[in-house]
């Protein structure tokens, strides 16, 4: 009898997991969704330029300036967005004004 109670196969652990998982995961999932919405929220700017897109936009625009050089990257953004453009260089918001 003692050996039977010490046997881990004696307990049905799946019934415990099924009962506690929804109770614990639902508030965590709601909190994670709420934090993701706050984190991905961006203020819309009236100045045209590449979007922020959770930090990917600044990385892409900075990489374009490193890869193409300042002159070609400025020409690319001016052709794409117009003569007044907002981009990110080294993580700082930068305005390109040209005509």
Protein backbone atom coordinates (compact mmCIF):
# COMPACT_ATOMS: atom_id res chain seq x y z
CA UNK A 1 0.00 0.00 0.00
CA UNK A 2 2.82 2.46 0.80
CA UNK A 3 4.54 1.70 -2.49
CA UNK A 4 1.33 2.32 -4.35
CA UNK A 5 0.92 5.82 -2.87
CA UNK A 6 4.55 6.73 -3.67
CA UNK A 7 4.17 5.65 -7.28
CA UNK A 8 3.99 8.79 -9.47
CA UNK A 9 1.82 6.99 -12.00
CA UNK A 10 -0.83 6.67 -9.30
CA UNK A 11 -1.70 10.40 -9.56
CA UNK A 12 -3.46 11.71 -12.62
CA UNK A 13 -1.48 14.89 -13.20
CA UNK A 14 -3.28 15.74 -16.44
CA UNK A 15 -6.47 16.49 -14.58
CA UNK A 16 -4.61 19.01 -12.41
CA UNK A 17 -3.01 20.73 -15.41
CA UNK A 18 -6.27 21.01 -17.32
CA UNK A 19 -8.00 22.61 -14.35
CA UNK A 20 -5.32 25.21 -13.54
CA UNK A 21 -4.01 26.15 -16.99
CA UNK A 22 -6.99 28.21 -18.23
CA UNK A 23 -7.24 30.02 -14.91
CA UNK A 24 -3.58 31.01 -15.01
CA UNK A 25 -3.13 31.65 -18.73
CA UNK A 26 -6.13 33.80 -19.53
CA UNK A 27 -5.05 36.81 -17.40
CA UNK A 28 -1.47 36.44 -18.62
CA UNK A 29 -2.58 36.39 -22.26
CA UNK A 30 -4.81 39.42 -21.73
CA UNK A 31 -1.95 41.30 -20.06
CA UNK A 32 0.46 40.39 -22.85
CA UNK A 33 -1.99 41.56 -25.52
CA UNK A 34 -2.56 44.82 -23.68
CA UNK A 35 1.19 45.45 -23.32
CA UNK A 36 1.76 44.62 -26.99
CA UNK A 37 -0.92 47.12 -28.02
CA UNK A 38 0.64 49.83 -25.87
CA UNK A 39 4.12 49.03 -27.14
CA UNK A 40 3.14 48.98 -30.82
CA UNK A 41 1.01 52.13 -30.62
CA UNK A 42 2.56 54.94 -32.55
CA UNK A 43 1.68 58.54 -32.88
CA UNK A 44 0.76 59.35 -36.44
CA UNK A 45 2.88 62.07 -37.90
CA UNK A 46 1.74 64.54 -40.53
CA UNK A 47 5.24 64.43 -42.04
CA UNK A 48 5.65 61.69 -44.67
CA UNK A 49 8.31 59.06 -44.35
CA UNK A 50 8.84 55.42 -43.52
CA UNK A 51 6.69 54.10 -40.67
CA UNK A 52 8.03 53.28 -37.24
CA UNK A 53 6.61 49.71 -37.27
CA UNK A 54 7.80 48.62 -33.79
CA UNK A 55 11.34 49.93 -34.32
CA UNK A 56 11.94 48.24 -37.66
CA UNK A 57 11.49 51.45 -39.68
CA UNK A 58 14.39 53.27 -38.00
CA UNK A 59 16.64 50.25 -38.51
CA UNK A 60 15.77 50.07 -42.21
CA UNK A 61 16.23 53.79 -42.85
CA UNK A 62 19.55 53.87 -40.96
CA UNK A 63 20.71 50.79 -42.87
CA UNK A 64 19.74 52.43 -46.16
CA UNK A 65 21.86 55.48 -45.32
CA UNK A 66 24.82 53.27 -44.42
CA UNK A 67 24.42 51.09 -47.50
CA UNK A 68 23.60 53.69 -50.18
CA UNK A 69 25.32 56.73 -48.76
CA UNK A 70 23.72 59.99 -47.78
CA UNK A 71 23.20 61.41 -51.28
CA UNK A 72 21.58 58.37 -52.86
CA UNK A 73 19.47 57.61 -49.79
CA UNK A 74 18.20 61.21 -49.69
CA UNK A 75 17.32 61.04 -53.39
CA UNK A 76 15.51 57.73 -52.83
CA UNK A 77 13.42 59.10 -49.95
CA UNK A 78 12.67 62.33 -51.83
CA UNK A 79 11.44 60.37 -54.87
CA UNK A 80 9.38 58.06 -52.65
CA UNK A 81 7.86 60.50 -50.14
CA UNK A 82 8.33 64.02 -51.52
CA UNK A 83 10.52 67.01 -50.73
CA UNK A 84 10.01 67.00 -46.93
CA UNK A 85 10.73 63.59 -45.39
CA UNK A 86 11.15 62.21 -41.87
CA UNK A 87 13.74 59.41 -41.49
CA UNK A 88 15.87 58.00 -38.69
CA UNK A 89 19.65 58.22 -38.66
CA UNK A 90 21.46 56.66 -35.68
CA UNK A 91 18.14 56.32 -33.87
CA UNK A 92 17.35 60.04 -34.09
CA UNK A 93 14.49 61.46 -36.08
CA UNK A 94 15.95 63.44 -38.98
CA UNK A 95 14.20 65.64 -41.52
CA UNK A 96 15.32 65.79 -45.14
CA UNK A 97 14.29 68.97 -46.92
CA UNK A 98 15.04 69.28 -50.62
CA UNK A 99 13.52 70.44 -53.83
